[in-house]
Amino acid sequence: MGFTINGRKRRVNVPADMPVLWVLPPPIATGTIAAPVAATYRFDQVREAITIAAQSGGKVLFASKA
């Protein structure tokens, strides 16, 4: 299993029978894993959201009302 932080790939060794949700909380709590959110957008703002995400390196969220 792996993930990307700032464009750098990281690998996490997780036993195959261990649910991922048991592994993620500690690194999230310590800030080892972070997913910055650049902004929240409505579904009709997809183009703008993708542009901002590409420029900022952050993630965007979609909601029915932003």
Foldseek 3Di string as FASTA:
>chain_A
DWDDDPNDIDDDDDPPPDDVVVVPPVCVVVVVDDAAEPEEEEPVCVVVQVVSCVVPVHHYHYDNHD
